[in-house]
Amino acid sequence: MPRYADYVAAYDLTEDRERNRVAKVLEGFGFRVQFSVFELRLSPASKTRLLNRLSELNLKTGWVGLYRRQHGSALDAVGCVPERPLKDDDYAWFV
């Protein structure tokens, strides 16, 4: 069975077309928590697929960062926090 790890993906792109293409790829691997931030749970194989798909976009106006979440970290949030599609104990980041 593959081992899964939790990640946060964030992008900073200036062109709408590139932003839309990146968002479409990321939506196939996780869920959006902010306009340019996604939470993902990836196996080693799915992480490779994601990075390959993003590389194929040949981004010219910015970048995408993929940050691994450390085991045991929890959500620290302030304000009107939206309901999470997954349990906070398993998926929670402050970005």
N, C-alpha and C. Protein backbone atom coordinates (compact mmCIF):
# COMPACT_ATOMS: atom_id res chain seq x y z
N MET A 1 0.85 -1.18 0.00
CA MET A 1 0.00 0.00 0.00
C MET A 1 0.89 1.24 0.00
N PRO A 2 0.59 2.21 -0.86
CA PRO A 2 1.43 3.41 -0.91
C PRO A 2 1.27 4.26 0.34
N ARG A 3 2.34 4.92 0.72
CA ARG A 3 2.28 5.83 1.86
C ARG A 3 1.89 7.21 1.34
N TYR A 4 0.93 7.79 1.99
CA TYR A 4 0.44 9.10 1.59
C TYR A 4 1.05 10.18 2.48
N ALA A 5 1.22 11.36 1.91
CA ALA A 5 1.68 12.52 2.66
C ALA A 5 0.77 13.69 2.32
N ASP A 6 0.66 14.60 3.26
CA ASP A 6 -0.18 15.78 3.09
C ASP A 6 0.67 16.96 2.62
N TYR A 7 0.11 17.73 1.69
CA TYR A 7 0.83 18.85 1.09
C TYR A 7 -0.08 20.06 1.00
N VAL A 8 0.55 21.22 0.92
CA VAL A 8 -0.12 22.47 0.56
C VAL A 8 0.52 22.92 -0.74
N ALA A 9 -0.30 23.24 -1.72
CA ALA A 9 0.18 23.79 -2.99
C ALA A 9 -0.29 25.24 -3.07
N ALA A 10 0.62 26.12 -3.44
CA ALA A 10 0.28 27.53 -3.60
C ALA A 10 0.95 28.04 -4.87
N TYR A 11 0.26 28.95 -5.55
CA TYR A 11 0.86 29.49 -6.77
C TYR A 11 0.79 31.00 -6.79
N ASP A 12 1.74 31.58 -7.53
CA ASP A 12 1.81 33.02 -7.73
C ASP A 12 2.07 33.23 -9.21
N LEU A 13 1.01 33.50 -9.95
CA LEU A 13 1.09 33.66 -11.41
C LEU A 13 0.39 34.95 -11.80
N THR A 14 0.91 35.65 -12.79
CA THR A 14 0.32 36.93 -13.17
C THR A 14 -0.66 36.82 -14.33
N GLU A 15 -0.66 35.73 -15.05
CA GLU A 15 -1.53 35.58 -16.22
C GLU A 15 -2.73 34.70 -15.88
N ASP A 16 -3.94 35.20 -16.19
CA ASP A 16 -5.17 34.45 -15.89
C ASP A 16 -5.17 33.07 -16.52
N ARG A 17 -4.73 32.96 -17.75
CA ARG A 17 -4.75 31.66 -18.44
C ARG A 17 -3.89 30.64 -17.68
N GLU A 18 -2.71 31.05 -17.24
CA GLU A 18 -1.85 30.14 -16.49
C GLU A 18 -2.48 29.80 -15.14
N ARG A 19 -3.06 30.80 -14.46
CA ARG A 19 -3.71 30.53 -13.17
C ARG A 19 -4.82 29.50 -13.33
N ASN A 20 -5.64 29.66 -14.37
CA ASN A 20 -6.75 28.74 -14.60
C ASN A 20 -6.25 27.33 -14.91
N ARG A 21 -5.19 27.22 -15.69
CA ARG A 21 -4.65 25.90 -16.03
C ARG A 21 -4.06 25.21 -14.80
N VAL A 22 -3.34 25.96 -13.98
CA VAL A 22 -2.78 25.39 -12.75
C VAL A 22 -3.90 24.96 -11.81
N ALA A 23 -4.90 25.81 -11.63
CA ALA A 23 -6.01 25.47 -10.74
C ALA A 23 -6.72 24.21 -11.20
N LYS A 24 -6.91 24.06 -12.49
CA LYS A 24 -7.58 22.86 -13.01
C LYS A 24 -6.77 21.61 -12.69
N VAL A 25 -5.46 21.68 -12.83
CA VAL A 25 -4.61 20.53 -12.49
C VAL A 25 -4.71 20.23 -11.00
N LEU A 26 -4.56 21.25 -10.17
CA LEU A 26 -4.58 21.04 -8.72
C LEU A 26 -5.92 20.51 -8.23
N GLU A 27 -7.02 20.96 -8.84
CA GLU A 27 -8.34 20.47 -8.45
C GLU A 27 -8.47 18.96 -8.67
N GLY A 28 -7.69 18.40 -9.57
CA GLY A 28 -7.70 16.97 -9.79
C GLY A 28 -6.96 16.18 -8.73
N PHE A 29 -6.25 16.87 -7.84
CA PHE A 29 -5.43 16.20 -6.83
C PHE A 29 -5.81 16.57 -5.40
N GLY A 30 -6.60 17.62 -5.22
CA GLY A 30 -6.93 18.06 -3.87
C GLY A 30 -8.08 19.04 -3.90
N PHE A 31 -8.17 19.88 -2.87
CA PHE A 31 -9.26 20.84 -2.82
C PHE A 31 -8.74 22.23 -2.50
N ARG A 32 -9.45 23.21 -3.02
CA ARG A 32 -9.06 24.61 -2.88
C ARG A 32 -9.47 25.12 -1.51
N VAL A 33 -8.54 25.83 -0.84
CA VAL A 33 -8.86 26.46 0.44
C VAL A 33 -8.77 27.98 0.35
N GLN A 34 -8.08 28.50 -0.63
CA GLN A 34 -8.00 29.91 -0.96
C GLN A 34 -7.90 30.00 -2.47
N PHE A 35 -7.95 31.20 -3.02
CA PHE A 35 -7.91 31.33 -4.48
C PHE A 35 -6.70 30.62 -5.07
N SER A 36 -5.54 30.77 -4.47
CA SER A 36 -4.33 30.18 -5.04
C SER A 36 -3.67 29.16 -4.11
N VAL A 37 -4.46 28.56 -3.21
CA VAL A 37 -3.93 27.59 -2.25
C VAL A 37 -4.81 26.34 -2.24
N PHE A 38 -4.16 25.18 -2.30
CA PHE A 38 -4.85 23.90 -2.30
C PHE A 38 -4.25 22.99 -1.24
N GLU A 39 -5.08 22.10 -0.69
CA GLU A 39 -4.62 21.05 0.21
C GLU A 39 -4.71 19.74 -0.54
N LEU A 40 -3.68 18.90 -0.39
CA LEU A 40 -3.62 17.65 -1.14
C LEU A 40 -3.11 16.52 -0.26
N ARG A 41 -3.55 15.32 -0.52
CA ARG A 41 -2.98 14.11 0.08
C ARG A 41 -2.50 13.27 -1.10
N LEU A 42 -1.18 13.04 -1.14
CA LEU A 42 -0.57 12.42 -2.32
C LEU A 42 0.26 11.20 -1.95
N SER A 43 0.17 10.18 -2.77
CA SER A 43 1.10 9.06 -2.70
C SER A 43 2.36 9.50 -3.46
N PRO A 44 3.46 8.77 -3.33
CA PRO A 44 4.64 9.13 -4.12
C PRO A 44 4.34 9.16 -5.63
N ALA A 45 3.54 8.21 -6.10
CA ALA A 45 3.22 8.17 -7.54
C ALA A 45 2.34 9.36 -7.94
N SER A 46 1.36 9.71 -7.11
CA SER A 46 0.49 10.84 -7.47
C SER A 46 1.25 12.16 -7.36
N LYS A 47 2.21 12.26 -6.45
CA LYS A 47 3.04 13.47 -6.38
C LYS A 47 3.85 13.62 -7.67
N THR A 48 4.41 12.52 -8.14
CA THR A 48 5.17 12.55 -9.40
C THR A 48 4.27 12.96 -10.56
N ARG A 49 3.06 12.38 -10.62
CA ARG A 49 2.11 12.75 -11.69
C ARG A 49 1.77 14.23 -11.63
N LEU A 50 1.50 14.73 -10.42
CA LEU A 50 1.17 16.15 -10.27
C LEU A 50 2.32 17.03 -10.75
N LEU A 51 3.53 16.76 -10.31
CA LEU A 51 4.67 17.58 -10.71
C LEU A 51 4.89 17.51 -12.22
N ASN A 52 4.69 16.34 -12.80
CA ASN A 52 4.82 16.21 -14.26
C ASN A 52 3.76 17.04 -14.98
N ARG A 53 2.51 16.95 -14.51
CA ARG A 53 1.43 17.73 -15.14
C ARG A 53 1.70 19.22 -15.04
N LEU A 54 2.17 19.67 -13.89
CA LEU A 54 2.48 21.09 -13.73
C LEU A 54 3.66 21.51 -14.61
N SER A 55 4.67 20.66 -14.71
CA SER A 55 5.82 20.96 -15.57
C SER A 55 5.42 21.09 -17.02
N GLU A 56 4.46 20.26 -17.45
CA GLU A 56 4.00 20.29 -18.83
C GLU A 56 3.31 21.60 -19.19
N LEU A 57 2.89 22.37 -18.20
CA LEU A 57 2.23 23.65 -18.46
C LEU A 57 3.21 24.73 -18.93
N ASN A 58 4.51 24.50 -18.73
CA ASN A 58 5.53 25.47 -19.16
C ASN A 58 5.21 26.89 -18.70
N LEU A 59 5.05 27.05 -17.41
CA LEU A 59 4.66 28.33 -16.83
C LEU A 59 5.71 29.40 -17.11
N LYS A 60 5.25 30.57 -17.49
CA LYS A 60 6.13 31.69 -17.85
C LYS A 60 5.98 32.90 -16.93
N THR A 61 4.84 32.99 -16.20
CA THR A 61 4.58 34.23 -15.46
C THR A 61 4.63 34.05 -13.95
N GLY A 62 5.15 32.95 -13.46
CA GLY A 62 5.22 32.74 -12.03
C GLY A 62 5.57 31.30 -11.70
N TRP A 63 5.15 30.86 -10.54
CA TRP A 63 5.56 29.55 -10.06
C TRP A 63 4.48 28.91 -9.20
N VAL A 64 4.68 27.59 -8.96
CA VAL A 64 3.82 26.81 -8.08
C VAL A 64 4.72 26.18 -7.02
N GLY A 65 4.36 26.31 -5.76
CA GLY A 65 5.11 25.68 -4.68
C GLY A 65 4.32 24.53 -4.10
N LEU A 66 5.01 23.44 -3.78
CA LEU A 66 4.39 22.28 -3.15
C LEU A 66 5.12 22.06 -1.83
N TYR A 67 4.40 22.24 -0.73
CA TYR A 67 5.00 22.19 0.59
C TYR A 67 4.46 20.98 1.35
N ARG A 68 5.35 20.14 1.85
CA ARG A 68 4.90 18.97 2.61
C ARG A 68 4.53 19.39 4.03
N ARG A 69 3.38 18.92 4.44
CA ARG A 69 2.90 19.19 5.79
C ARG A 69 3.52 18.18 6.74
N GLN A 70 3.95 18.63 7.89
CA GLN A 70 4.55 17.74 8.88
C GLN A 70 3.47 16.95 9.62
N HIS A 71 3.75 15.69 9.90
CA HIS A 71 2.82 14.83 10.63
C HIS A 71 2.50 15.44 11.99
N GLY A 72 1.24 15.46 12.30
CA GLY A 72 0.81 15.93 13.61
C GLY A 72 0.51 17.41 13.69
N SER A 73 0.75 18.16 12.63
CA SER A 73 0.42 19.58 12.68
C SER A 73 -1.10 19.74 12.64
N ALA A 74 -1.58 20.78 13.24
CA ALA A 74 -3.03 20.99 13.33
C ALA A 74 -3.38 22.39 12.84
N LEU A 75 -4.65 22.60 12.64
CA LEU A 75 -5.14 23.89 12.16
C LEU A 75 -5.14 24.91 13.29
N ASP A 76 -4.51 26.04 13.05
CA ASP A 76 -4.62 27.21 13.91
C ASP A 76 -5.28 28.27 13.05
N ALA A 77 -6.49 28.66 13.40
CA ALA A 77 -7.23 29.60 12.55
C ALA A 77 -7.94 30.62 13.41
N VAL A 78 -8.17 31.78 12.82
CA VAL A 78 -8.85 32.88 13.50
C VAL A 78 -9.91 33.42 12.55
N GLY A 79 -11.08 33.76 13.06
CA GLY A 79 -12.10 34.35 12.22
C GLY A 79 -13.14 33.35 11.78
N CYS A 80 -13.79 33.62 10.67
CA CYS A 80 -14.85 32.77 10.12
C CYS A 80 -14.22 31.67 9.28
N VAL A 81 -13.87 30.59 9.93
CA VAL A 81 -13.18 29.49 9.25
C VAL A 81 -14.22 28.64 8.54
N PRO A 82 -14.07 28.39 7.23
CA PRO A 82 -15.04 27.57 6.51
C PRO A 82 -15.00 26.12 6.98
N GLU A 83 -16.13 25.46 6.84
CA GLU A 83 -16.20 24.04 7.19
C GLU A 83 -15.27 23.26 6.27
N ARG A 84 -14.55 22.31 6.83
CA ARG A 84 -13.57 21.53 6.08
C ARG A 84 -14.24 20.31 5.47
N PRO A 85 -13.86 19.93 4.24
CA PRO A 85 -14.41 18.72 3.65
C PRO A 85 -13.84 17.46 4.28
N LEU A 86 -12.76 17.58 5.03
CA LEU A 86 -12.13 16.45 5.70
C LEU A 86 -11.94 16.80 7.16
N LYS A 87 -11.70 15.79 8.00
CA LYS A 87 -11.51 16.04 9.43
C LYS A 87 -10.25 16.87 9.65
N ASP A 88 -10.33 17.85 10.54
CA ASP A 88 -9.18 18.70 10.83
C ASP A 88 -8.00 17.90 11.38
N ASP A 89 -8.28 16.82 12.10
CA ASP A 89 -7.18 16.01 12.63
C ASP A 89 -6.32 15.43 11.53
N ASP A 90 -6.91 15.21 10.36
CA ASP A 90 -6.16 14.63 9.25
C ASP A 90 -5.65 15.68 8.26
N TYR A 91 -6.43 16.73 8.04
CA TYR A 91 -6.09 17.74 7.04
C TYR A 91 -6.31 19.12 7.62
N ALA A 92 -5.27 19.77 8.03
CA ALA A 92 -5.46 21.13 8.52
C ALA A 92 -4.15 21.89 8.43
N TRP A 93 -4.23 23.06 7.80
CA TRP A 93 -3.05 23.90 7.67
C TRP A 93 -3.43 25.34 7.89
N PHE A 94 -2.49 26.11 8.35
CA PHE A 94 -2.64 27.55 8.40
C PHE A 94 -1.71 28.09 7.34
N VAL A 95 -2.28 28.71 6.30
CA VAL A 95 -1.49 29.16 5.16
C VAL A 95 -1.57 30.65 5.05
